[in-house]
C-alpha atoms as a PDB file:
ATOM      1  CA  UNK A   1       1.618   1.153  -9.230  1.00  0.00           C
ATOM      2  CA  UNK A   2      -1.281   1.044  -6.598  1.00  0.00           C
ATOM      3  CA  UNK A   3       0.166   0.398  -3.456  1.00  0.00           C
ATOM      4  CA  UNK A   4      -3.081  -1.102  -2.382  1.00  0.00           C
ATOM      5  CA  UNK A   5      -2.416  -3.630  -5.365  1.00  0.00           C
ATOM      6  CA  UNK A   6       1.256  -4.128  -4.053  1.00  0.00           C
ATOM      7  CA  UNK A   7       0.048  -4.967  -0.227  1.00  0.00           C
ATOM      8  CA  UNK A   8      -1.649  -7.732  -1.698  1.00  0.00           C
ATOM      9  CA  UNK A   9       0.885  -8.929  -4.095  1.00  0.00           C
ATOM     10  CA  UNK A  10       3.655  -8.949  -1.519  1.00  0.00           C
ATOM     11  CA  UNK A  11       1.330 -10.834   0.640  1.00  0.00           C
ATOM     12  CA  UNK A  12       0.505 -13.483  -1.846  1.00  0.00           C
ATOM     13  CA  UNK A  13       4.529 -13.969  -2.411  1.00  0.00           C
ATOM     14  CA  UNK A  14       5.252 -13.859   0.562  1.00  0.00           C
ATOM     15  CA  UNK A  15       2.841 -16.677   1.405  1.00  0.00           C
ATOM     16  CA  UNK A  16       3.585 -18.683  -1.095  1.00  0.00           C
ATOM     17  CA  UNK A  17       0.082 -18.150  -2.619  1.00  0.00           C
ATOM     18  CA  UNK A  18       0.441 -18.909  -6.755  1.00  0.00           C
ATOM     19  CA  UNK A  19      -2.405 -16.798  -8.032  1.00  0.00           C
ATOM     20  CA  UNK A  20      -2.660 -15.382 -11.711  1.00  0.00           C
ATOM     21  CA  UNK A  21      -2.208 -11.233 -12.189  1.00  0.00           C
ATOM     22  CA  UNK A  22      -4.953  -9.712 -14.364  1.00  0.00           C
ATOM     23  CA  UNK A  23      -3.028  -5.904 -15.876  1.00  0.00           C
ATOM     24  CA  UNK A  24      -6.431  -4.727 -16.373  1.00  0.00           C
ATOM     25  CA  UNK A  25      -6.222  -1.347 -15.552  1.00  0.00           C
ATOM     26  CA  UNK A  26      -8.131   0.542 -13.509  1.00  0.00           C
ATOM     27  CA  UNK A  27      -8.956   3.276 -15.916  1.00  0.00           C
ATOM     28  CA  UNK A  28     -10.267   0.462 -18.641  1.00  0.00           C
ATOM     29  CA  UNK A  29     -13.847  -0.021 -19.174  1.00  0.00           C
ATOM     30  CA  UNK A  30     -14.317  -3.751 -17.792  1.00  0.00           C
ATOM     31  CA  UNK A  31     -13.272  -2.748 -14.804  1.00  0.00           C
ATOM     32  CA  UNK A  32     -16.761  -2.422 -14.267  1.00  0.00           C
ATOM     33  CA  UNK A  33     -17.386  -5.920 -14.535  1.00  0.00           C
ATOM     34  CA  UNK A  34     -15.291  -7.109 -12.174  1.00  0.00           C
ATOM     35  CA  UNK A  35     -15.825  -4.314  -9.384  1.00  0.00           C
ATOM     36  CA  UNK A  36     -18.682  -2.421  -9.470  1.00  0.00           C
ATOM     37  CA  UNK A  37     -16.719   0.525  -7.235  1.00  0.00           C
ATOM     38  CA  UNK A  38     -14.275   0.664  -9.906  1.00  0.00           C
ATOM     39  CA  UNK A  39     -11.573   0.057  -7.604  1.00  0.00           C
ATOM     40  CA  UNK A  40      -8.881  -1.903  -6.978  1.00  0.00           C
ATOM     41  CA  UNK A  41      -7.333  -4.689  -5.931  1.00  0.00           C
ATOM     42  CA  UNK A  42      -9.987  -7.411  -6.842  1.00  0.00           C
ATOM     43  CA  UNK A  43      -9.291 -11.084  -5.931  1.00  0.00           C
ATOM     44  CA  UNK A  44     -11.156 -13.639  -7.858  1.00  0.00           C
ATOM     45  CA  UNK A  45     -11.065 -16.687  -5.551  1.00  0.00           C
ATOM     46  CA  UNK A  46     -10.795 -19.522  -7.985  1.00  0.00           C
ATOM     47  CA  UNK A  47     -13.091 -18.086 -10.740  1.00  0.00           C
ATOM     48  CA  UNK A  48     -15.771 -17.492  -8.609  1.00  0.00           C
ATOM     49  CA  UNK A  49     -16.488 -15.129  -5.345  1.00  0.00           C
ATOM     50  CA  UNK A  50     -14.646 -11.831  -5.928  1.00  0.00           C
ATOM     51  CA  UNK A  51     -13.038  -9.819  -3.217  1.00  0.00           C
ATOM     52  CA  UNK A  52     -12.772  -6.139  -2.701  1.00  0.00           C
ATOM     53  CA  UNK A  53     -10.646  -3.846  -0.229  1.00  0.00           C
ATOM     54  CA  UNK A  54      -7.261  -5.245   0.106  1.00  0.00           C
ATOM     55  CA  UNK A  55      -8.047  -5.124   3.903  1.00  0.00           C
ATOM     56  CA  UNK A  56     -10.917  -8.005   3.469  1.00  0.00           C
ATOM     57  CA  UNK A  57      -8.243  -9.557   0.473  1.00  0.00           C
ATOM     58  CA  UNK A  58      -5.614  -9.704   3.450  1.00  0.00           C
ATOM     59  CA  UNK A  59      -7.775 -10.903   5.985  1.00  0.00           C
ATOM     60  CA  UNK A  60      -8.486 -13.671   3.468  1.00  0.00           C
ATOM     61  CA  UNK A  61      -5.729 -14.010   3.191  1.00  0.00           C
ATOM     62  CA  UNK A  62      -4.545 -14.661   6.372  1.00  0.00           C
ATOM     63  CA  UNK A  63      -7.349 -17.093   7.695  1.00  0.00           C
ATOM     64  CA  UNK A  64      -6.196 -19.240   4.491  1.00  0.00           C
ATOM     65  CA  UNK A  65      -2.743 -19.648   5.939  1.00  0.00           C
ATOM     66  CA  UNK A  66      -3.522 -19.722   9.972  1.00  0.00           C
ATOM     67  CA  UNK A  67      -2.598 -17.589  12.831  1.00  0.00           C
ATOM     68  CA  UNK A  68       1.257 -18.634  12.737  1.00  0.00           C
ATOM     69  CA  UNK A  69       1.987 -17.800   9.625  1.00  0.00           C
ATOM     70  CA  UNK A  70      -0.266 -14.533   9.152  1.00  0.00           C
ATOM     71  CA  UNK A  71       1.013 -11.318   9.066  1.00  0.00           C
ATOM     72  CA  UNK A  72      -1.366  -9.859  10.969  1.00  0.00           C
ATOM     73  CA  UNK A  73      -1.265 -10.850  14.649  1.00  0.00           C
ATOM     74  CA  UNK A  74      -4.890 -13.068  15.092  1.00  0.00           C
ATOM     75  CA  UNK A  75      -5.933 -11.793  18.836  1.00  0.00           C
ATOM     76  CA  UNK A  76      -4.499  -9.142  21.652  1.00  0.00           C
ATOM     77  CA  UNK A  77      -2.180  -6.113  22.475  1.00  0.00           C
ATOM     78  CA  UNK A  78       0.102  -7.453  19.364  1.00  0.00           C
ATOM     79  CA  UNK A  79      -2.847  -7.471  16.966  1.00  0.00           C
ATOM     80  CA  UNK A  80      -4.145  -4.407  18.039  1.00  0.00           C
ATOM     81  CA  UNK A  81      -0.364  -2.575  17.630  1.00  0.00           C
ATOM     82  CA  UNK A  82       0.312  -3.709  14.715  1.00  0.00           C
ATOM     83  CA  UNK A  83      -3.800  -2.785  13.309  1.00  0.00           C
ATOM     84  CA  UNK A  84      -2.643   0.747  14.118  1.00  0.00           C
ATOM     85  CA  UNK A  85       0.409   1.095  12.473  1.00  0.00           C
ATOM     86  CA  UNK A  86      -1.370  -0.759   9.219  1.00  0.00           C
ATOM     87  CA  UNK A  87      -4.319   1.880   9.244  1.00  0.00           C
ATOM     88  CA  UNK A  88      -2.343   4.663   9.767  1.00  0.00           C
ATOM     89  CA  UNK A  89      -0.165   3.625   6.600  1.00  0.00           C
ATOM     90  CA  UNK A  90      -3.024   2.644   4.809  1.00  0.00           C
ATOM     91  CA  UNK A  91      -4.607   6.354   5.359  1.00  0.00           C
ATOM     92  CA  UNK A  92      -1.293   7.804   4.559  1.00  0.00           C
ATOM     93  CA  UNK A  93      -1.387   5.917   0.883  1.00  0.00           C
ATOM     94  CA  UNK A  94      -4.587   7.522   0.751  1.00  0.00           C
ATOM     95  CA  UNK A  95      -3.778  11.170   1.279  1.00  0.00           C
ATOM     96  CA  UNK A  96      -0.682  10.407  -0.774  1.00  0.00           C
ATOM     97  CA  UNK A  97      -3.121   9.107  -3.746  1.00  0.00           C
ATOM     98  CA  UNK A  98      -5.177  12.009  -3.393  1.00  0.00           C
ATOM     99  CA  UNK A  99      -2.532  14.586  -3.989  1.00  0.00           C
ATOM    100  CA  UNK A 100      -1.306  12.695  -6.699  1.00  0.00           C
ATOM    101  CA  UNK A 101      -4.264  12.406  -8.718  1.00  0.00           C
ATOM    102  CA  UNK A 102      -5.925  16.077  -8.139  1.00  0.00           C
ATOM    103  CA  UNK A 103      -2.357  16.806  -9.835  1.00  0.00           C
ATOM    104  CA  UNK A 104      -2.483  14.433 -12.378  1.00  0.00           C
ATOM    105  CA  UNK A 105      -6.241  14.995 -13.351  1.00  0.00           C
ATOM    106  CA  UNK A 106      -6.560  18.698 -13.360  1.00  0.00           C
ATOM    107  CA  UNK A 107      -4.922  21.827 -14.792  1.00  0.00           C
ATOM    108  CA  UNK A 108      -3.044  23.618 -12.535  1.00  0.00           C
ATOM    109  CA  UNK A 109      -5.371  26.523 -12.353  1.00  0.00           C
ATOM    110  CA  UNK A 110      -8.143  24.325 -11.328  1.00  0.00           C
ATOM    111  CA  UNK A 111      -6.438  22.588  -8.658  1.00  0.00           C
ATOM    112  CA  UNK A 112      -7.368  22.744  -5.076  1.00  0.00           C
ATOM    113  CA  UNK A 113      -4.523  23.532  -3.855  1.00  0.00           C
ATOM    114  CA  UNK A 114      -5.404  24.183  -0.215  1.00  0.00           C
ATOM    115  CA  UNK A 115      -6.486  20.501  -0.431  1.00  0.00           C
ATOM    116  CA  UNK A 116      -3.480  19.416  -1.659  1.00  0.00           C
ATOM    117  CA  UNK A 117      -1.287  21.427   1.313  1.00  0.00           C
ATOM    118  CA  UNK A 118      -3.778  19.655   4.205  1.00  0.00           C
ATOM    119  CA  UNK A 119      -3.671  16.547   2.390  1.00  0.00           C
ATOM    120  CA  UNK A 120       0.303  17.575   2.490  1.00  0.00           C
ATOM    121  CA  UNK A 121       0.281  17.824   5.910  1.00  0.00           C
ATOM    122  CA  UNK A 122      -1.934  14.538   7.017  1.00  0.00           C
ATOM    123  CA  UNK A 123       0.899  12.560   4.933  1.00  0.00           C
ATOM    124  CA  UNK A 124       3.618  14.238   6.828  1.00  0.00           C
ATOM    125  CA  UNK A 125       2.302  14.022  10.255  1.00  0.00           C
ATOM    126  CA  UNK A 126       1.155  10.260  10.073  1.00  0.00           C
ATOM    127  CA  UNK A 127       5.103   9.544   8.081  1.00  0.00           C
ATOM    128  CA  UNK A 128       6.302  11.097  11.733  1.00  0.00           C
ATOM    129  CA  UNK A 129       4.428   9.311  14.357  1.00  0.00           C
ATOM    130  CA  UNK A 130       5.034   5.638  12.151  1.00  0.00           C
ATOM    131  CA  UNK A 131       8.848   6.948  11.919  1.00  0.00           C
ATOM    132  CA  UNK A 132       9.085   7.576  15.721  1.00  0.00           C
ATOM    133  CA  UNK A 133       7.716   4.052  16.560  1.00  0.00           C
ATOM    134  CA  UNK A 134       9.900   2.684  14.401  1.00  0.00           C
ATOM    135  CA  UNK A 135      11.893  -0.383  15.497  1.00  0.00           C
ATOM    136  CA  UNK A 136      14.564  -2.578  13.911  1.00  0.00           C
ATOM    137  CA  UNK A 137      15.502  -4.668  12.522  1.00  0.00           C
ATOM    138  CA  UNK A 138      11.263  -5.285  11.227  1.00  0.00           C
ATOM    139  CA  UNK A 139       8.517  -1.816  12.803  1.00  0.00           C
ATOM    140  CA  UNK A 140       7.733  -4.024  15.956  1.00  0.00           C
ATOM    141  CA  UNK A 141      11.444  -4.983  15.957  1.00  0.00           C
ATOM    142  CA  UNK A 142      12.270  -9.205  15.139  1.00  0.00           C
ATOM    143  CA  UNK A 143       8.752  -9.745  13.532  1.00  0.00           C
ATOM    144  CA  UNK A 144       7.892  -8.718   9.787  1.00  0.00           C
ATOM    145  CA  UNK A 145       4.344  -8.004   9.960  1.00  0.00           C
ATOM    146  CA  UNK A 146       1.510  -6.664   7.460  1.00  0.00           C
ATOM    147  CA  UNK A 147       2.751  -3.108   9.296  1.00  0.00           C
ATOM    148  CA  UNK A 148       6.124  -3.511   7.740  1.00  0.00           C
ATOM    149  CA  UNK A 149       4.707  -4.727   4.126  1.00  0.00           C
ATOM    150  CA  UNK A 150       2.072  -2.053   3.846  1.00  0.00           C
ATOM    151  CA  UNK A 151       4.727   0.597   5.538  1.00  0.00           C
ATOM    152  CA  UNK A 152       6.618  -0.594   2.337  1.00  0.00           C
ATOM    153  CA  UNK A 153       4.250  -0.574  -0.513  1.00  0.00           C
ATOM    154  CA  UNK A 154       3.570   3.493   1.322  1.00  0.00           C
ATOM    155  CA  UNK A 155       7.072   4.400   0.755  1.00  0.00           C
ATOM    156  CA  UNK A 156       7.422   3.175  -2.441  1.00  0.00           C
ATOM    157  CA  UNK A 157       4.313   5.027  -3.628  1.00  0.00           C
ATOM    158  CA  UNK A 158       5.626   8.254  -2.626  1.00  0.00           C
ATOM    159  CA  UNK A 159       9.372   7.724  -4.106  1.00  0.00           C
ATOM    160  CA  UNK A 160       7.497   6.895  -7.355  1.00  0.00           C
ATOM    161  CA  UNK A 161       5.057   9.605  -7.805  1.00  0.00           C
ATOM    162  CA  UNK A 162       5.129  12.062  -4.778  1.00  0.00           C
ATOM    163  CA  UNK A 163       9.487  12.545  -3.696  1.00  0.00           C
ATOM    164  CA  UNK A 164       8.536  15.519  -2.073  1.00  0.00           C
ATOM    165  CA  UNK A 165       6.721  14.104   0.493  1.00  0.00           C
ATOM    166  CA  UNK A 166       9.447  12.196   1.759  1.00  0.00           C
ATOM    167  CA  UNK A 167      12.977  14.480   1.521  1.00  0.00           C
ATOM    168  CA  UNK A 168      16.091  12.365   2.465  1.00  0.00           C
ATOM    169  CA  UNK A 169      16.687  12.036   6.231  1.00  0.00           C
ATOM    170  CA  UNK A 170      13.331  13.130   7.199  1.00  0.00           C
ATOM    171  CA  UNK A 171      12.056   9.941   8.517  1.00  0.00           C
ATOM    172  CA  UNK A 172      15.597   7.735   8.875  1.00  0.00           C
ATOM    173  CA  UNK A 173      13.874   4.486  10.561  1.00  0.00           C
ATOM    174  CA  UNK A 174      11.129   4.324   7.421  1.00  0.00           C
ATOM    175  CA  UNK A 175      13.830   5.059   4.961  1.00  0.00           C
ATOM    176  CA  UNK A 176      16.114   2.144   6.538  1.00  0.00           C
ATOM    177  CA  UNK A 177      12.433  -0.094   6.563  1.00  0.00           C
ATOM    178  CA  UNK A 178      11.538   0.468   3.324  1.00  0.00           C
ATOM    179  CA  UNK A 179      15.558  -0.740   1.906  1.00  0.00           C
ATOM    180  CA  UNK A 180      15.047  -3.574   4.505  1.00  0.00           C
ATOM    181  CA  UNK A 181      11.497  -4.396   2.269  1.00  0.00           C
ATOM    182  CA  UNK A 182      12.258  -3.587  -1.191  1.00  0.00           C
ATOM    183  CA  UNK A 183      15.404  -5.978  -1.062  1.00  0.00           C
ATOM    184  CA  UNK A 184      13.339  -8.625   0.186  1.00  0.00           C
ATOM    185  CA  UNK A 185      12.326 -11.186  -2.624  1.00  0.00           C
ATOM    186  CA  UNK A 186       7.680 -10.991  -2.135  1.00  0.00           C
ATOM    187  CA  UNK A 187       8.623  -7.348  -2.740  1.00  0.00           C
ATOM    188  CA  UNK A 188      10.827  -7.242  -5.561  1.00  0.00           C
ATOM    189  CA  UNK A 189       8.472  -9.724  -7.915  1.00  0.00           C
ATOM    190  CA  UNK A 190       6.014  -7.377  -6.855  1.00  0.00           C
ATOM    191  CA  UNK A 191       7.372  -3.756  -8.372  1.00  0.00           C
ATOM    192  CA  UNK A 192       5.214  -2.353 -10.469  1.00  0.00           C
ATOM    193  CA  UNK A 193       6.195  -1.979 -14.585  1.00  0.00           C
ATOM    194  CA  UNK A 194       7.037   0.511 -16.333  1.00  0.00           C
ATOM    195  CA  UNK A 195       4.169   0.096 -18.686  1.00  0.00           C
ATOM    196  CA  UNK A 196       1.650   0.661 -15.387  1.00  0.00           C
ATOM    197  CA  UNK A 197       1.238   4.044 -15.339  1.00  0.00           C
ATOM    198  CA  UNK A 198      -1.437   6.543 -15.002  1.00  0.00           C
ATOM    199  CA  UNK A 199      -3.494   7.792 -18.118  1.00  0.00           C
ATOM    200  CA  UNK A 200      -1.563  11.022 -19.572  1.00  0.00           C
ATOM    201  CA  UNK A 201      -2.956  14.578 -18.821  1.00  0.00           C
ATOM    202  CA  UNK A 202      -5.371  15.591 -20.854  1.00  0.00           C
END
């Protein structure tokens, strides 16, 4: 259910790059053998080199398919704008995840509520800015980019794990964008399964 994993999967499906998926959970011991940081995603190239961090993986995929097909523009003002929106959406994912993990792994009496409130405020600020600049049908107008992929995965994660962060009609442009993203074949193929859950509370 990681939105960082999902944005890599969506990009792979969008590019038509075949891949084998390892469903090993980040909470299982074997993950340290793949990535010493015990984080996901990790991307193993032909059983040899392992790339870590979704940003590095996506950069590799963009180089693989070439500048004409890359979801991140290769240079100039367009690249800067798409990069900024993508980074903002990625930061929002991190803030959303921080709240989810804080509440999931700590007993209520041990939750750092001021920290949660701060993260929720940062998440709301990012969503407000993203919504304010969104165009149609895609985030920057007619061209589908990595900004759309990452924002779509962000909204999908919020709806899955932190619905209170996105009240109905507060971010109407992002809602519409997410709906268009989820209708795409690449997004549908990358939806988390019902068994892909964090471990239960102790």
